[in-house]
Amino acid sequence: MGQFSTTVNSVQLVGAFHHAEWALEAQYFGLNNERLATPYAVVNAGVAVPLRVGKIVMALTNAGNSGTSNGYADLTHSQAYATIAGAPVLLPARPVLPRALTVGYRVDIGRH
């Protein structure tokens, strides 16, 4: 920080704008994934908005609603694996949780 900086560590200046914190994550799961499913991608997003006291936190998981099925392990999206003898075996794919929006309020207590 320079001598003309308006930033003070661990202190919010009076009248200064509170900045929101954004997060975006994308993951691709190819063949041979842990869910035994066909390839899929998952996108998650979140924002934390500081308030005078505490902050509101919102998170959207699986924004594209990808890789979901009826919510149970089934053969619909499963990927066949070959055995040593060469015969394919089809194992039930475990579903990805459907899209969900979570909203919370966070207050820090104690010393920082």
PDB file of N, CA and C in Angstrom:
ATOM      1  N   MET A   1       0.836  -1.176   0.000  1.00  0.00           N
ATOM      2  CA  MET A   1       0.000   0.000   0.000  1.00  0.00           C
ATOM      3  C   MET A   1       0.879   1.236   0.000  1.00  0.00           C
ATOM      4  N   GLY A   2       0.507   2.178  -0.842  1.00  0.00           N
ATOM      5  CA  GLY A   2       1.260   3.417  -0.914  1.00  0.00           C
ATOM      6  C   GLY A   2       0.751   4.432   0.098  1.00  0.00           C
ATOM      7  N   GLN A   3       1.417   5.567   0.143  1.00  0.00           N
ATOM      8  CA  GLN A   3       1.021   6.585   1.119  1.00  0.00           C
ATOM      9  C   GLN A   3      -0.324   7.221   0.804  1.00  0.00           C
ATOM     10  N   PHE A   4      -0.796   7.085  -0.446  1.00  0.00           N
ATOM     11  CA  PHE A   4      -2.079   7.663  -0.831  1.00  0.00           C
ATOM     12  C   PHE A   4      -3.189   6.611  -0.890  1.00  0.00           C
ATOM     13  N   SER A   5      -2.936   5.414  -0.410  1.00  0.00           N
ATOM     14  CA  SER A   5      -3.914   4.331  -0.448  1.00  0.00           C
ATOM     15  C   SER A   5      -5.076   4.611   0.494  1.00  0.00           C
ATOM     16  N   THR A   6      -6.304   4.238   0.058  1.00  0.00           N
ATOM     17  CA  THR A   6      -7.483   4.396   0.915  1.00  0.00           C
ATOM     18  C   THR A   6      -7.829   3.091   1.607  1.00  0.00           C
ATOM     19  N   THR A   7      -6.983   2.073   1.474  1.00  0.00           N
ATOM     20  CA  THR A   7      -7.245   0.767   2.064  1.00  0.00           C
ATOM     21  C   THR A   7      -6.579   0.666   3.434  1.00  0.00           C
ATOM     22  N   VAL A   8      -7.355   0.256   4.414  1.00  0.00           N
ATOM     23  CA  VAL A   8      -6.830   0.027   5.754  1.00  0.00           C
ATOM     24  C   VAL A   8      -7.130  -1.430   6.081  1.00  0.00           C
ATOM     25  N   ASN A   9      -6.130  -2.190   6.429  1.00  0.00           N
ATOM     26  CA  ASN A   9      -6.324  -3.605   6.716  1.00  0.00           C
ATOM     27  C   ASN A   9      -7.338  -3.831   7.819  1.00  0.00           C
ATOM     28  N   SER A  10      -8.304  -4.735   7.560  1.00  0.00           N
ATOM     29  CA  SER A  10      -9.304  -5.188   8.533  1.00  0.00           C
ATOM     30  C   SER A  10     -10.242  -4.092   9.015  1.00  0.00           C
ATOM     31  N   VAL A  11     -10.338  -2.977   8.301  1.00  0.00           N
ATOM     32  CA  VAL A  11     -11.229  -1.891   8.696  1.00  0.00           C
ATOM     33  C   VAL A  11     -11.975  -1.404   7.465  1.00  0.00           C
ATOM     34  N   GLN A  12     -13.292  -1.201   7.579  1.00  0.00           N
ATOM     35  CA  GLN A  12     -14.070  -0.621   6.493  1.00  0.00           C
ATOM     36  C   GLN A  12     -14.160   0.878   6.714  1.00  0.00           C
ATOM     37  N   LEU A  13     -13.747   1.658   5.746  1.00  0.00           N
ATOM     38  CA  LEU A  13     -13.787   3.114   5.868  1.00  0.00           C
ATOM     39  C   LEU A  13     -15.231   3.610   5.864  1.00  0.00           C
ATOM     40  N   VAL A  14     -15.519   4.638   6.630  1.00  0.00           N
ATOM     41  CA  VAL A  14     -16.859   5.206   6.706  1.00  0.00           C
ATOM     42  C   VAL A  14     -17.240   5.770   5.349  1.00  0.00           C
ATOM     43  N   GLY A  15     -18.413   5.390   4.844  1.00  0.00           N
ATOM     44  CA  GLY A  15     -18.900   5.886   3.564  1.00  0.00           C
ATOM     45  C   GLY A  15     -18.316   5.183   2.355  1.00  0.00           C
ATOM     46  N   ALA A  16     -17.398   4.240   2.550  1.00  0.00           N
ATOM     47  CA  ALA A  16     -16.810   3.520   1.420  1.00  0.00           C
ATOM     48  C   ALA A  16     -17.766   2.431   0.949  1.00  0.00           C
ATOM     49  N   PHE A  17     -17.726   2.142  -0.348  1.00  0.00           N
ATOM     50  CA  PHE A  17     -18.607   1.138  -0.934  1.00  0.00           C
ATOM     51  C   PHE A  17     -18.181  -0.267  -0.505  1.00  0.00           C
ATOM     52  N   HIS A  18     -19.142  -1.088  -0.137  1.00  0.00           N
ATOM     53  CA  HIS A  18     -18.870  -2.483   0.199  1.00  0.00           C
ATOM     54  C   HIS A  18     -18.872  -3.287  -1.098  1.00  0.00           C
ATOM     55  N   HIS A  19     -17.818  -4.008  -1.356  1.00  0.00           N
ATOM     56  CA  HIS A  19     -17.716  -4.770  -2.596  1.00  0.00           C
ATOM     57  C   HIS A  19     -18.218  -6.196  -2.408  1.00  0.00           C
ATOM     58  N   ALA A  20     -18.979  -6.660  -3.377  1.00  0.00           N
ATOM     59  CA  ALA A  20     -19.447  -8.043  -3.360  1.00  0.00           C
ATOM     60  C   ALA A  20     -18.326  -8.949  -3.857  1.00  0.00           C
ATOM     61  N   GLU A  21     -18.289 -10.161  -3.349  1.00  0.00           N
ATOM     62  CA  GLU A  21     -17.302 -11.150  -3.772  1.00  0.00           C
ATOM     63  C   GLU A  21     -18.018 -12.182  -4.632  1.00  0.00           C
ATOM     64  N   TRP A  22     -17.533 -12.389  -5.853  1.00  0.00           N
ATOM     65  CA  TRP A  22     -18.142 -13.318  -6.795  1.00  0.00           C
ATOM     66  C   TRP A  22     -17.240 -14.531  -6.993  1.00  0.00           C
ATOM     67  N   ALA A  23     -17.864 -15.667  -7.255  1.00  0.00           N
ATOM     68  CA  ALA A  23     -17.105 -16.887  -7.563  1.00  0.00           C
ATOM     69  C   ALA A  23     -17.833 -17.657  -8.657  1.00  0.00           C
ATOM     70  N   LEU A  24     -17.083 -18.221  -9.586  1.00  0.00           N
ATOM     71  CA  LEU A  24     -17.642 -19.029 -10.663  1.00  0.00           C
ATOM     72  C   LEU A  24     -16.722 -20.222 -10.869  1.00  0.00           C
ATOM     73  N   GLU A  25     -17.302 -21.394 -10.954  1.00  0.00           N
ATOM     74  CA  GLU A  25     -16.517 -22.621 -11.098  1.00  0.00           C
ATOM     75  C   GLU A  25     -17.174 -23.503 -12.144  1.00  0.00           C
ATOM     76  N   ALA A  26     -16.386 -24.079 -13.012  1.00  0.00           N
ATOM     77  CA  ALA A  26     -16.878 -25.039 -14.000  1.00  0.00           C
ATOM     78  C   ALA A  26     -15.987 -26.274 -13.951  1.00  0.00           C
ATOM     79  N   GLN A  27     -16.602 -27.442 -13.910  1.00  0.00           N
ATOM     80  CA  GLN A  27     -15.846 -28.699 -13.884  1.00  0.00           C
ATOM     81  C   GLN A  27     -16.389 -29.627 -14.953  1.00  0.00           C
ATOM     82  N   TYR A  28     -15.473 -30.295 -15.660  1.00  0.00           N
ATOM     83  CA  TYR A  28     -15.852 -31.283 -16.664  1.00  0.00           C
ATOM     84  C   TYR A  28     -15.446 -32.660 -16.152  1.00  0.00           C
ATOM     85  N   PHE A  29     -16.355 -33.603 -16.234  1.00  0.00           N
ATOM     86  CA  PHE A  29     -16.085 -34.982 -15.827  1.00  0.00           C
ATOM     87  C   PHE A  29     -16.197 -35.861 -17.062  1.00  0.00           C
ATOM     88  N   GLY A  30     -15.089 -36.412 -17.509  1.00  0.00           N
ATOM     89  CA  GLY A  30     -15.066 -37.225 -18.717  1.00  0.00           C
ATOM     90  C   GLY A  30     -15.448 -38.671 -18.455  1.00  0.00           C
ATOM     91  N   LEU A  31     -15.114 -39.523 -19.417  1.00  0.00           N
ATOM     92  CA  LEU A  31     -15.353 -40.961 -19.244  1.00  0.00           C
ATOM     93  C   LEU A  31     -14.625 -41.466 -18.016  1.00  0.00           C
ATOM     94  N   ASN A  32     -15.071 -42.548 -17.455  1.00  0.00           N
ATOM     95  CA  ASN A  32     -14.450 -43.154 -16.286  1.00  0.00           C
ATOM     96  C   ASN A  32     -14.503 -42.220 -15.077  1.00  0.00           C
ATOM     97  N   ASN A  33     -15.618 -41.502 -14.908  1.00  0.00           N
ATOM     98  CA  ASN A  33     -15.766 -40.613 -13.756  1.00  0.00           C
ATOM     99  C   ASN A  33     -16.285 -41.396 -12.551  1.00  0.00           C
ATOM    100  N   GLU A  34     -16.234 -40.762 -11.391  1.00  0.00           N
ATOM    101  CA  GLU A  34     -16.586 -41.451 -10.143  1.00  0.00           C
ATOM    102  C   GLU A  34     -18.065 -41.801 -10.033  1.00  0.00           C
ATOM    103  N   ARG A  35     -18.913 -41.196 -10.858  1.00  0.00           N
ATOM    104  CA  ARG A  35     -20.349 -41.487 -10.805  1.00  0.00           C
ATOM    105  C   ARG A  35     -20.753 -42.598 -11.774  1.00  0.00           C
ATOM    106  N   LEU A  36     -19.782 -43.139 -12.521  1.00  0.00           N
ATOM    107  CA  LEU A  36     -20.020 -44.198 -13.501  1.00  0.00           C
ATOM    108  C   LEU A  36     -21.001 -43.739 -14.576  1.00  0.00           C
ATOM    109  N   ALA A  37     -20.994 -42.452 -14.886  1.00  0.00           N
ATOM    110  CA  ALA A  37     -21.941 -41.868 -15.838  1.00  0.00           C
ATOM    111  C   ALA A  37     -21.232 -41.425 -17.108  1.00  0.00           C
ATOM    112  N   THR A  38     -22.032 -41.100 -18.127  1.00  0.00           N
ATOM    113  CA  THR A  38     -21.474 -40.522 -19.342  1.00  0.00           C
ATOM    114  C   THR A  38     -20.883 -39.159 -18.988  1.00  0.00           C
ATOM    115  N   PRO A  39     -19.987 -38.617 -19.811  1.00  0.00           N
ATOM    116  CA  PRO A  39     -19.351 -37.330 -19.494  1.00  0.00           C
ATOM    117  C   PRO A  39     -20.383 -36.215 -19.268  1.00  0.00           C
ATOM    118  N   TYR A  40     -20.065 -35.331 -18.337  1.00  0.00           N
ATOM    119  CA  TYR A  40     -20.949 -34.205 -18.040  1.00  0.00           C
ATOM    120  C   TYR A  40     -20.126 -33.062 -17.474  1.00  0.00           C
ATOM    121  N   ALA A  41     -20.703 -31.865 -17.471  1.00  0.00           N
ATOM    122  CA  ALA A  41     -20.050 -30.680 -16.910  1.00  0.00           C
ATOM    123  C   ALA A  41     -20.977 -30.054 -15.875  1.00  0.00           C
ATOM    124  N   VAL A  42     -20.385 -29.482 -14.839  1.00  0.00           N
ATOM    125  CA  VAL A  42     -21.146 -28.830 -13.768  1.00  0.00           C
ATOM    126  C   VAL A  42     -20.619 -27.405 -13.605  1.00  0.00           C
ATOM    127  N   VAL A  43     -21.545 -26.447 -13.517  1.00  0.00           N
ATOM    128  CA  VAL A  43     -21.188 -25.039 -13.304  1.00  0.00           C
ATOM    129  C   VAL A  43     -21.806 -24.585 -11.984  1.00  0.00           C
ATOM    130  N   ASN A  44     -20.984 -23.986 -11.118  1.00  0.00           N
ATOM    131  CA  ASN A  44     -21.437 -23.453  -9.835  1.00  0.00           C
ATOM    132  C   ASN A  44     -21.095 -21.966  -9.782  1.00  0.00           C
ATOM    133  N   ALA A  45     -21.946 -21.178  -9.122  1.00  0.00           N
ATOM    134  CA  ALA A  45     -21.698 -19.742  -8.985  1.00  0.00           C
ATOM    135  C   ALA A  45     -22.110 -19.298  -7.594  1.00  0.00           C
ATOM    136  N   GLY A  46     -21.476 -18.226  -7.123  1.00  0.00           N
ATOM    137  CA  GLY A  46     -21.818 -17.727  -5.800  1.00  0.00           C
ATOM    138  C   GLY A  46     -21.474 -16.261  -5.654  1.00  0.00           C
ATOM    139  N   VAL A  47     -22.122 -15.614  -4.708  1.00  0.00           N
ATOM    140  CA  VAL A  47     -21.848 -14.217  -4.406  1.00  0.00           C
ATOM    141  C   VAL A  47     -22.010 -14.001  -2.907  1.00  0.00           C
ATOM    142  N   ALA A  48     -21.146 -13.184  -2.347  1.00  0.00           N
ATOM    143  CA  ALA A  48     -21.235 -12.785  -0.940  1.00  0.00           C
ATOM    144  C   ALA A  48     -21.317 -11.264  -0.908  1.00  0.00           C
ATOM    145  N   VAL A  49     -22.404 -10.739  -0.338  1.00  0.00           N
ATOM    146  CA  VAL A  49     -22.633  -9.298  -0.300  1.00  0.00           C
ATOM    147  C   VAL A  49     -22.523  -8.811   1.143  1.00  0.00           C
ATOM    148  N   PRO A  50     -21.504  -8.005   1.438  1.00  0.00           N
ATOM    149  CA  PRO A  50     -21.357  -7.500   2.804  1.00  0.00           C
ATOM    150  C   PRO A  50     -22.458  -6.494   3.144  1.00  0.00           C
ATOM    151  N   LEU A  51     -22.937  -6.568   4.356  1.00  0.00           N
ATOM    152  CA  LEU A  51     -23.926  -5.627   4.874  1.00  0.00           C
ATOM    153  C   LEU A  51     -23.281  -4.842   6.015  1.00  0.00           C
ATOM    154  N   ARG A  52     -24.020  -3.965   6.623  1.00  0.00           N
ATOM    155  CA  ARG A  52     -23.491  -3.203   7.752  1.00  0.00           C
ATOM    156  C   ARG A  52     -23.032  -4.167   8.844  1.00  0.00           C
ATOM    157  N   VAL A  53     -23.824  -5.189   9.116  1.00  0.00           N
ATOM    158  CA  VAL A  53     -23.453  -6.245  10.061  1.00  0.00           C
ATOM    159  C   VAL A  53     -23.635  -7.570   9.332  1.00  0.00           C
ATOM    160  N   GLY A  54     -22.577  -8.305   9.146  1.00  0.00           N
ATOM    161  CA  GLY A  54     -22.640  -9.606   8.515  1.00  0.00           C
ATOM    162  C   GLY A  54     -22.645  -9.523   6.996  1.00  0.00           C
ATOM    163  N   LYS A  55     -23.012 -10.618   6.358  1.00  0.00           N
ATOM    164  CA  LYS A  55     -23.088 -10.672   4.900  1.00  0.00           C
ATOM    165  C   LYS A  55     -24.110 -11.703   4.474  1.00  0.00           C
ATOM    166  N   ILE A  56     -24.689 -11.480   3.312  1.00  0.00           N
ATOM    167  CA  ILE A  56     -25.607 -12.442   2.701  1.00  0.00           C
ATOM    168  C   ILE A  56     -24.795 -13.236   1.685  1.00  0.00           C
ATOM    169  N   VAL A  57     -24.935 -14.548   1.733  1.00  0.00           N
ATOM    170  CA  VAL A  57     -24.204 -15.426   0.832  1.00  0.00           C
ATOM    171  C   VAL A  57     -25.220 -16.230   0.019  1.00  0.00           C
ATOM    172  N   MET A  58     -25.066 -16.208  -1.316  1.00  0.00           N
ATOM    173  CA  MET A  58     -25.939 -16.973  -2.203  1.00  0.00           C
ATOM    174  C   MET A  58     -25.076 -17.880  -3.073  1.00  0.00           C
ATOM    175  N   ALA A  59     -25.494 -19.125  -3.232  1.00  0.00           N
ATOM    176  CA  ALA A  59     -24.752 -20.078  -4.055  1.00  0.00           C
ATOM    177  C   ALA A  59     -25.723 -20.836  -4.950  1.00  0.00           C
ATOM    178  N   LEU A  60     -25.377 -20.952  -6.222  1.00  0.00           N
ATOM    179  CA  LEU A  60     -26.154 -21.731  -7.182  1.00  0.00           C
ATOM    180  C   LEU A  60     -25.289 -22.907  -7.592  1.00  0.00           C
ATOM    181  N   THR A  61     -25.718 -24.114  -7.288  1.00  0.00           N
ATOM    182  CA  THR A  61     -24.954 -25.309  -7.649  1.00  0.00           C
ATOM    183  C   THR A  61     -25.616 -26.007  -8.820  1.00  0.00           C
ATOM    184  N   ASN A  62     -24.801 -26.573  -9.695  1.00  0.00           N
ATOM    185  CA  ASN A  62     -25.250 -27.253 -10.910  1.00  0.00           C
ATOM    186  C   ASN A  62     -26.194 -26.347 -11.700  1.00  0.00           C
ATOM    187  N   ALA A  63     -25.701 -25.153 -12.041  1.00  0.00           N
ATOM    188  CA  ALA A  63     -26.519 -24.136 -12.711  1.00  0.00           C
ATOM    189  C   ALA A  63     -27.154 -24.630 -14.006  1.00  0.00           C
ATOM    190  N   GLY A  64     -26.460 -25.479 -14.747  1.00  0.00           N
ATOM    191  CA  GLY A  64     -27.003 -25.991 -16.008  1.00  0.00           C
ATOM    192  C   GLY A  64     -27.880 -27.215 -15.844  1.00  0.00           C
ATOM    193  N   ASN A  65     -28.032 -27.694 -14.608  1.00  0.00           N
ATOM    194  CA  ASN A  65     -28.837 -28.880 -14.309  1.00  0.00           C
ATOM    195  C   ASN A  65     -28.376 -30.089 -15.125  1.00  0.00           C
ATOM    196  N   SER A  66     -27.072 -30.218 -15.296  1.00  0.00           N
ATOM    197  CA  SER A  66     -26.533 -31.296 -16.131  1.00  0.00           C
ATOM    198  C   SER A  66     -26.346 -32.591 -15.351  1.00  0.00           C
ATOM    199  N   GLY A  67     -26.374 -33.685 -16.065  1.00  0.00           N
ATOM    200  CA  GLY A  67     -26.106 -34.984 -15.471  1.00  0.00           C
ATOM    201  C   GLY A  67     -27.164 -35.477 -14.513  1.00  0.00           C
ATOM    202  N   THR A  68     -28.321 -34.850 -14.500  1.00  0.00           N
ATOM    203  CA  THR A  68     -29.358 -35.265 -13.564  1.00  0.00           C
ATOM    204  C   THR A  68     -30.266 -36.298 -14.201  1.00  0.00           C
ATOM    205  N   SER A  69     -30.888 -37.068 -13.392  1.00  0.00           N
ATOM    206  CA  SER A  69     -31.865 -38.048 -13.868  1.00  0.00           C
ATOM    207  C   SER A  69     -33.044 -37.995 -12.912  1.00  0.00           C
ATOM    208  N   ASN A  70     -33.594 -39.128 -12.582  1.00  0.00           N
ATOM    209  CA  ASN A  70     -34.748 -39.159 -11.683  1.00  0.00           C
ATOM    210  C   ASN A  70     -34.350 -39.084 -10.206  1.00  0.00           C
ATOM    211  N   GLY A  71     -33.077 -38.905  -9.930  1.00  0.00           N
ATOM    212  CA  GLY A  71     -32.621 -38.794  -8.549  1.00  0.00           C
ATOM    213  C   GLY A  71     -32.180 -40.117  -7.947  1.00  0.00           C
ATOM    214  N   TYR A  72     -32.296 -41.210  -8.698  1.00  0.00           N
ATOM    215  CA  TYR A  72     -31.896 -42.531  -8.208  1.00  0.00           C
ATOM    216  C   TYR A  72     -30.811 -43.100  -9.114  1.00  0.00           C
ATOM    217  N   ALA A  73     -30.004 -43.999  -8.591  1.00  0.00           N
ATOM    218  CA  ALA A  73     -29.006 -44.671  -9.406  1.00  0.00           C
ATOM    219  C   ALA A  73     -29.730 -45.538 -10.430  1.00  0.00           C
ATOM    220  N   ASP A  74     -29.390 -45.356 -11.705  1.00  0.00           N
ATOM    221  CA  ASP A  74     -30.057 -46.141 -12.753  1.00  0.00           C
ATOM    222  C   ASP A  74     -29.100 -46.373 -13.930  1.00  0.00           C
ATOM    223  N   LEU A  75     -29.596 -47.049 -14.954  1.00  0.00           N
ATOM    224  CA  LEU A  75     -28.775 -47.375 -16.112  1.00  0.00           C
ATOM    225  C   LEU A  75     -28.928 -46.361 -17.241  1.00  0.00           C
ATOM    226  N   THR A  76     -29.783 -45.352 -17.076  1.00  0.00           N
ATOM    227  CA  THR A  76     -30.060 -44.398 -18.141  1.00  0.00           C
ATOM    228  C   THR A  76     -28.801 -43.678 -18.618  1.00  0.00           C
ATOM    229  N   HIS A  77     -27.994 -43.178 -17.704  1.00  0.00           N
ATOM    230  CA  HIS A  77     -26.799 -42.423 -18.060  1.00  0.00           C
ATOM    231  C   HIS A  77     -25.517 -43.186 -17.731  1.00  0.00           C
ATOM    232  N   SER A  78     -25.605 -44.484 -17.596  1.00  0.00           N
ATOM    233  CA  SER A  78     -24.428 -45.258 -17.196  1.00  0.00           C
ATOM    234  C   SER A  78     -23.496 -45.507 -18.370  1.00  0.00           C
ATOM    235  N   GLN A  79     -22.248 -45.809 -18.050  1.00  0.00           N
ATOM    236  CA  GLN A  79     -21.202 -46.068 -19.026  1.00  0.00           C
ATOM    237  C   GLN A  79     -20.764 -47.519 -18.871  1.00  0.00           C
ATOM    238  N   ALA A  80     -20.727 -48.283 -19.970  1.00  0.00           N
ATOM    239  CA  ALA A  80     -20.345 -49.700 -19.911  1.00  0.00           C
ATOM    240  C   ALA A  80     -18.831 -49.838 -19.746  1.00  0.00           C
ATOM    241  N   TYR A  81     -18.415 -50.789 -18.920  1.00  0.00           N
ATOM    242  CA  TYR A  81     -17.002 -51.099 -18.712  1.00  0.00           C
ATOM    243  C   TYR A  81     -16.741 -52.519 -19.179  1.00  0.00           C
ATOM    244  N   ALA A  82     -15.556 -52.750 -19.737  1.00  0.00           N
ATOM    245  CA  ALA A  82     -15.208 -54.090 -20.222  1.00  0.00           C
ATOM    246  C   ALA A  82     -14.552 -54.890 -19.101  1.00  0.00           C
ATOM    247  N   THR A  83     -14.901 -56.144 -19.004  1.00  0.00           N
ATOM    248  CA  THR A  83     -14.277 -57.035 -18.026  1.00  0.00           C
ATOM    249  C   THR A  83     -13.010 -57.630 -18.628  1.00  0.00           C
ATOM    250  N   ILE A  84     -12.288 -58.431 -17.865  1.00  0.00           N
ATOM    251  CA  ILE A  84     -11.066 -59.078 -18.360  1.00  0.00           C
ATOM    252  C   ILE A  84     -11.388 -59.986 -19.542  1.00  0.00           C
ATOM    253  N   ALA A  85     -12.550 -60.634 -19.501  1.00  0.00           N
ATOM    254  CA  ALA A  85     -12.956 -61.522 -20.591  1.00  0.00           C
ATOM    255  C   ALA A  85     -13.424 -60.740 -21.820  1.00  0.00           C
ATOM    256  N   GLY A  86     -13.587 -59.409 -21.680  1.00  0.00           N
ATOM    257  CA  GLY A  86     -14.001 -58.586 -22.808  1.00  0.00           C
ATOM    258  C   GLY A  86     -15.490 -58.292 -22.857  1.00  0.00           C
ATOM    259  N   ALA A  87     -16.256 -58.951 -22.021  1.00  0.00           N
ATOM    260  CA  ALA A  87     -17.705 -58.711 -22.013  1.00  0.00           C
ATOM    261  C   ALA A  87     -17.998 -57.405 -21.271  1.00  0.00           C
ATOM    262  N   PRO A  88     -18.891 -56.582 -21.796  1.00  0.00           N
ATOM    263  CA  PRO A  88     -19.205 -55.330 -21.101  1.00  0.00           C
ATOM    264  C   PRO A  88     -20.094 -55.558 -19.879  1.00  0.00           C
ATOM    265  N   VAL A  89     -19.862 -54.768 -18.864  1.00  0.00           N
ATOM    266  CA  VAL A  89     -20.717 -54.805 -17.680  1.00  0.00           C
ATOM    267  C   VAL A  89     -21.257 -53.389 -17.478  1.00  0.00           C
ATOM    268  N   LEU A  90     -22.549 -53.299 -17.261  1.00  0.00           N
ATOM    269  CA  LEU A  90     -23.194 -52.003 -17.101  1.00  0.00           C
ATOM    270  C   LEU A  90     -23.533 -51.800 -15.634  1.00  0.00           C
ATOM    271  N   LEU A  91     -22.888 -50.817 -15.007  1.00  0.00           N
ATOM    272  CA  LEU A  91     -23.126 -50.508 -13.604  1.00  0.00           C
ATOM    273  C   LEU A  91     -24.024 -49.287 -13.504  1.00  0.00           C
ATOM    274  N   PRO A  92     -24.897 -49.226 -12.521  1.00  0.00           N
ATOM    275  CA  PRO A  92     -25.793 -48.067 -12.404  1.00  0.00           C
ATOM    276  C   PRO A  92     -25.020 -46.779 -12.150  1.00  0.00           C
ATOM    277  N   ALA A  93     -25.398 -45.736 -12.886  1.00  0.00           N
ATOM    278  CA  ALA A  93     -24.782 -44.420 -12.697  1.00  0.00           C
ATOM    279  C   ALA A  93     -25.431 -43.722 -11.508  1.00  0.00           C
ATOM    280  N   ARG A  94     -24.604 -43.081 -10.695  1.00  0.00           N
ATOM    281  CA  ARG A  94     -25.127 -42.300  -9.568  1.00  0.00           C
ATOM    282  C   ARG A  94     -25.433 -40.893 -10.068  1.00  0.00           C
ATOM    283  N   PRO A  95     -26.615 -40.383  -9.816  1.00  0.00           N
ATOM    284  CA  PRO A  95     -27.008 -39.091 -10.376  1.00  0.00           C
ATOM    285  C   PRO A  95     -26.280 -37.912  -9.729  1.00  0.00           C
ATOM    286  N   VAL A  96     -26.159 -36.842 -10.502  1.00  0.00           N
ATOM    287  CA  VAL A  96     -25.653 -35.573  -9.996  1.00  0.00           C
ATOM    288  C   VAL A  96     -26.844 -34.870  -9.358  1.00  0.00           C
ATOM    289  N   LEU A  97     -26.624 -34.214  -8.238  1.00  0.00           N
ATOM    290  CA  LEU A  97     -27.728 -33.511  -7.592  1.00  0.00           C
ATOM    291  C   LEU A  97     -28.274 -32.431  -8.517  1.00  0.00           C
ATOM    292  N   PRO A  98     -29.580 -32.216  -8.522  1.00  0.00           N
ATOM    293  CA  PRO A  98     -30.167 -31.196  -9.403  1.00  0.00           C
ATOM    294  C   PRO A  98     -29.784 -29.784  -8.964  1.00  0.00           C
ATOM    295  N   ARG A  99     -30.098 -28.835  -9.823  1.00  0.00           N
ATOM    296  CA  ARG A  99     -29.810 -27.419  -9.549  1.00  0.00           C
ATOM    297  C   ARG A  99     -30.388 -27.016  -8.201  1.00  0.00           C
ATOM    298  N   ALA A 100     -29.631 -26.218  -7.447  1.00  0.00           N
ATOM    299  CA  ALA A 100     -30.095 -25.773  -6.130  1.00  0.00           C
ATOM    300  C   ALA A 100     -29.582 -24.366  -5.853  1.00  0.00           C
ATOM    301  N   LEU A 101     -30.419 -23.550  -5.248  1.00  0.00           N
ATOM    302  CA  LEU A 101     -30.045 -22.208  -4.824  1.00  0.00           C
ATOM    303  C   LEU A 101     -30.055 -22.181  -3.305  1.00  0.00           C
ATOM    304  N   THR A 102     -28.949 -21.769  -2.723  1.00  0.00           N
ATOM    305  CA  THR A 102     -28.822 -21.694  -1.274  1.00  0.00           C
ATOM    306  C   THR A 102     -28.564 -20.241  -0.891  1.00  0.00           C
ATOM    307  N   VAL A 103     -29.312 -19.744   0.085  1.00  0.00           N
ATOM    308  CA  VAL A 103     -29.135 -18.379   0.576  1.00  0.00           C
ATOM    309  C   VAL A 103     -28.887 -18.447   2.075  1.00  0.00           C
ATOM    310  N   GLY A 104     -27.892 -17.711   2.535  1.00  0.00           N
ATOM    311  CA  GLY A 104     -27.575 -17.716   3.957  1.00  0.00           C
ATOM    312  C   GLY A 104     -27.151 -16.341   4.431  1.00  0.00           C
ATOM    313  N   TYR A 105     -27.136 -16.165   5.735  1.00  0.00           N
ATOM    314  CA  TYR A 105     -26.691 -14.924   6.359  1.00  0.00           C
ATOM    315  C   TYR A 105     -25.575 -15.288   7.319  1.00  0.00           C
ATOM    316  N   ARG A 106     -24.473 -14.565   7.239  1.00  0.00           N
ATOM    317  CA  ARG A 106     -23.307 -14.901   8.047  1.00  0.00           C
ATOM    318  C   ARG A 106     -22.911 -13.693   8.886  1.00  0.00           C
ATOM    319  N   VAL A 107     -22.677 -13.945  10.165  1.00  0.00           N
ATOM    320  CA  VAL A 107     -22.193 -12.922  11.082  1.00  0.00           C
ATOM    321  C   VAL A 107     -20.963 -13.480  11.782  1.00  0.00           C
ATOM    322  N   ASP A 108     -19.854 -12.766  11.709  1.00  0.00           N
ATOM    323  CA  ASP A 108     -18.645 -13.165  12.417  1.00  0.00           C
ATOM    324  C   ASP A 108     -18.711 -12.614  13.830  1.00  0.00           C
ATOM    325  N   ILE A 109     -18.388 -13.455  14.803  1.00  0.00           N
ATOM    326  CA  ILE A 109     -18.357 -13.006  16.200  1.00  0.00           C
ATOM    327  C   ILE A 109     -16.955 -13.223  16.741  1.00  0.00           C
ATOM    328  N   GLY A 110     -16.603 -12.465  17.723  1.00  0.00           N
ATOM    329  CA  GLY A 110     -15.274 -12.593  18.305  1.00  0.00           C
ATOM    330  C   GLY A 110     -14.269 -11.713  17.573  1.00  0.00           C
ATOM    331  N   ARG A 111     -13.020 -11.872  17.917  1.00  0.00           N
ATOM    332  CA  ARG A 111     -11.956 -11.060  17.312  1.00  0.00           C
ATOM    333  C   ARG A 111     -11.540 -11.629  15.973  1.00  0.00           C
ATOM    334  N   HIS A 112     -11.115 -10.746  15.101  1.00  0.00           N
ATOM    335  CA  HIS A 112     -10.645 -11.150  13.769  1.00  0.00           C
ATOM    336  C   HIS A 112      -9.137 -11.141  13.745  1.00  0.00           C
TER     337      HIS A 112
END
